[in-house]
C-alpha atoms as a PDB file:
ATOM      1  CA  MET A   1      21.559  43.790  24.854  1.00  0.00           C
ATOM      2  CA  THR A   2      20.901  44.771  21.258  1.00  0.00           C
ATOM      3  CA  THR A   3      17.766  46.649  22.257  1.00  0.00           C
ATOM      4  CA  GLY A   4      19.827  48.803  24.613  1.00  0.00           C
ATOM      5  CA  VAL A   5      22.365  49.522  21.896  1.00  0.00           C
ATOM      6  CA  PHE A   6      19.679  50.472  19.389  1.00  0.00           C
ATOM      7  CA  ALA A   7      18.074  52.743  21.980  1.00  0.00           C
ATOM      8  CA  ALA A   8      21.326  54.715  22.198  1.00  0.00           C
ATOM      9  CA  VAL A   9      21.655  55.086  18.420  1.00  0.00           C
ATOM     10  CA  SER A  10      19.452  57.533  16.580  1.00  0.00           C
ATOM     11  CA  LYS A  11      19.390  59.098  13.155  1.00  0.00           C
ATOM     12  CA  TYR A  12      21.139  62.280  14.250  1.00  0.00           C
ATOM     13  CA  SER A  13      23.245  61.299  17.254  1.00  0.00           C
ATOM     14  CA  THR A  14      24.745  58.361  19.070  1.00  0.00           C
ATOM     15  CA  ASP A  15      25.432  58.077  22.773  1.00  0.00           C
ATOM     16  CA  PHE A  16      28.689  56.140  22.618  1.00  0.00           C
ATOM     17  CA  THR A  17      28.969  55.770  26.385  1.00  0.00           C
ATOM     18  CA  ILE A  18      25.817  53.646  26.440  1.00  0.00           C
ATOM     19  CA  VAL A  19      26.851  51.722  23.313  1.00  0.00           C
ATOM     20  CA  TYR A  20      30.293  50.872  24.709  1.00  0.00           C
ATOM     21  CA  SER A  21      28.989  49.985  28.165  1.00  0.00           C
ATOM     22  CA  ASN A  22      26.431  47.610  26.609  1.00  0.00           C
ATOM     23  CA  MET A  23      29.145  46.031  24.470  1.00  0.00           C
ATOM     24  CA  LEU A  24      31.268  45.524  27.593  1.00  0.00           C
ATOM     25  CA  LEU A  25      28.354  43.872  29.377  1.00  0.00           C
ATOM     26  CA  ALA A  26      27.819  41.579  26.399  1.00  0.00           C
ATOM     27  CA  VAL A  27      31.476  40.506  26.177  1.00  0.00           C
ATOM     28  CA  ALA A  28      32.305  40.294  29.905  1.00  0.00           C
ATOM     29  CA  PRO A  29      30.754  36.840  30.574  1.00  0.00           C
ATOM     30  CA  ALA A  30      32.711  35.270  27.700  1.00  0.00           C
ATOM     31  CA  LEU A  31      35.951  36.841  28.936  1.00  0.00           C
ATOM     32  CA  VAL A  32      35.377  35.631  32.505  1.00  0.00           C
ATOM     33  CA  PHE A  33      34.555  32.134  31.215  1.00  0.00           C
ATOM     34  CA  TYR A  34      37.770  32.063  29.173  1.00  0.00           C
ATOM     35  CA  VAL A  35      39.947  33.342  32.012  1.00  0.00           C
ATOM     36  CA  LEU A  36      38.580  30.761  34.438  1.00  0.00           C
ATOM     37  CA  LEU A  37      38.925  27.819  32.029  1.00  0.00           C
ATOM     38  CA  GLN A  38      41.973  28.960  30.060  1.00  0.00           C
ATOM     39  CA  LYS A  39      44.183  25.968  30.953  1.00  0.00           C
ATOM     40  CA  ARG A  40      41.507  23.452  29.942  1.00  0.00           C
ATOM     41  CA  ILE A  41      40.739  25.235  26.677  1.00  0.00           C
ATOM     42  CA  ILE A  42      44.395  25.486  25.636  1.00  0.00           C
ATOM     43  CA  GLY A  43      45.042  21.913  26.794  1.00  0.00           C
ATOM     44  CA  GLY A  44      42.174  20.623  24.685  1.00  0.00           C
ATOM     45  CA  LEU A  45      43.347  22.519  21.645  1.00  0.00           C
ATOM     46  CA  THR A  46      46.919  21.277  21.937  1.00  0.00           C
ATOM     47  CA  SER A  47      46.006  17.656  22.714  1.00  0.00           C
ATOM     48  CA  GLY A  48      43.856  17.534  19.605  1.00  0.00           C
ATOM     49  CA  ALA A  49      46.744  18.822  17.494  1.00  0.00           C
ATOM     50  CA  VAL A  50      49.241  16.108  18.496  1.00  0.00           C
ATOM     51  CA  LYS A  51      49.817  13.528  15.796  1.00  0.00           C
ATOM     52  CA  GLY A  52      50.204   9.904  16.725  1.00  0.00           C
END
């Protein structure tokens, strides 16, 4: 991913469409993972915060 981003950035110009599309591809798996397991993640966070 970072190689693709650096290929789009040069000294005199930057192709932001390639930079942003590569950033989206890098973040998309984490977002999908969170959306699919959201209830378990939030449940684990809240159960660990309960005192007693």
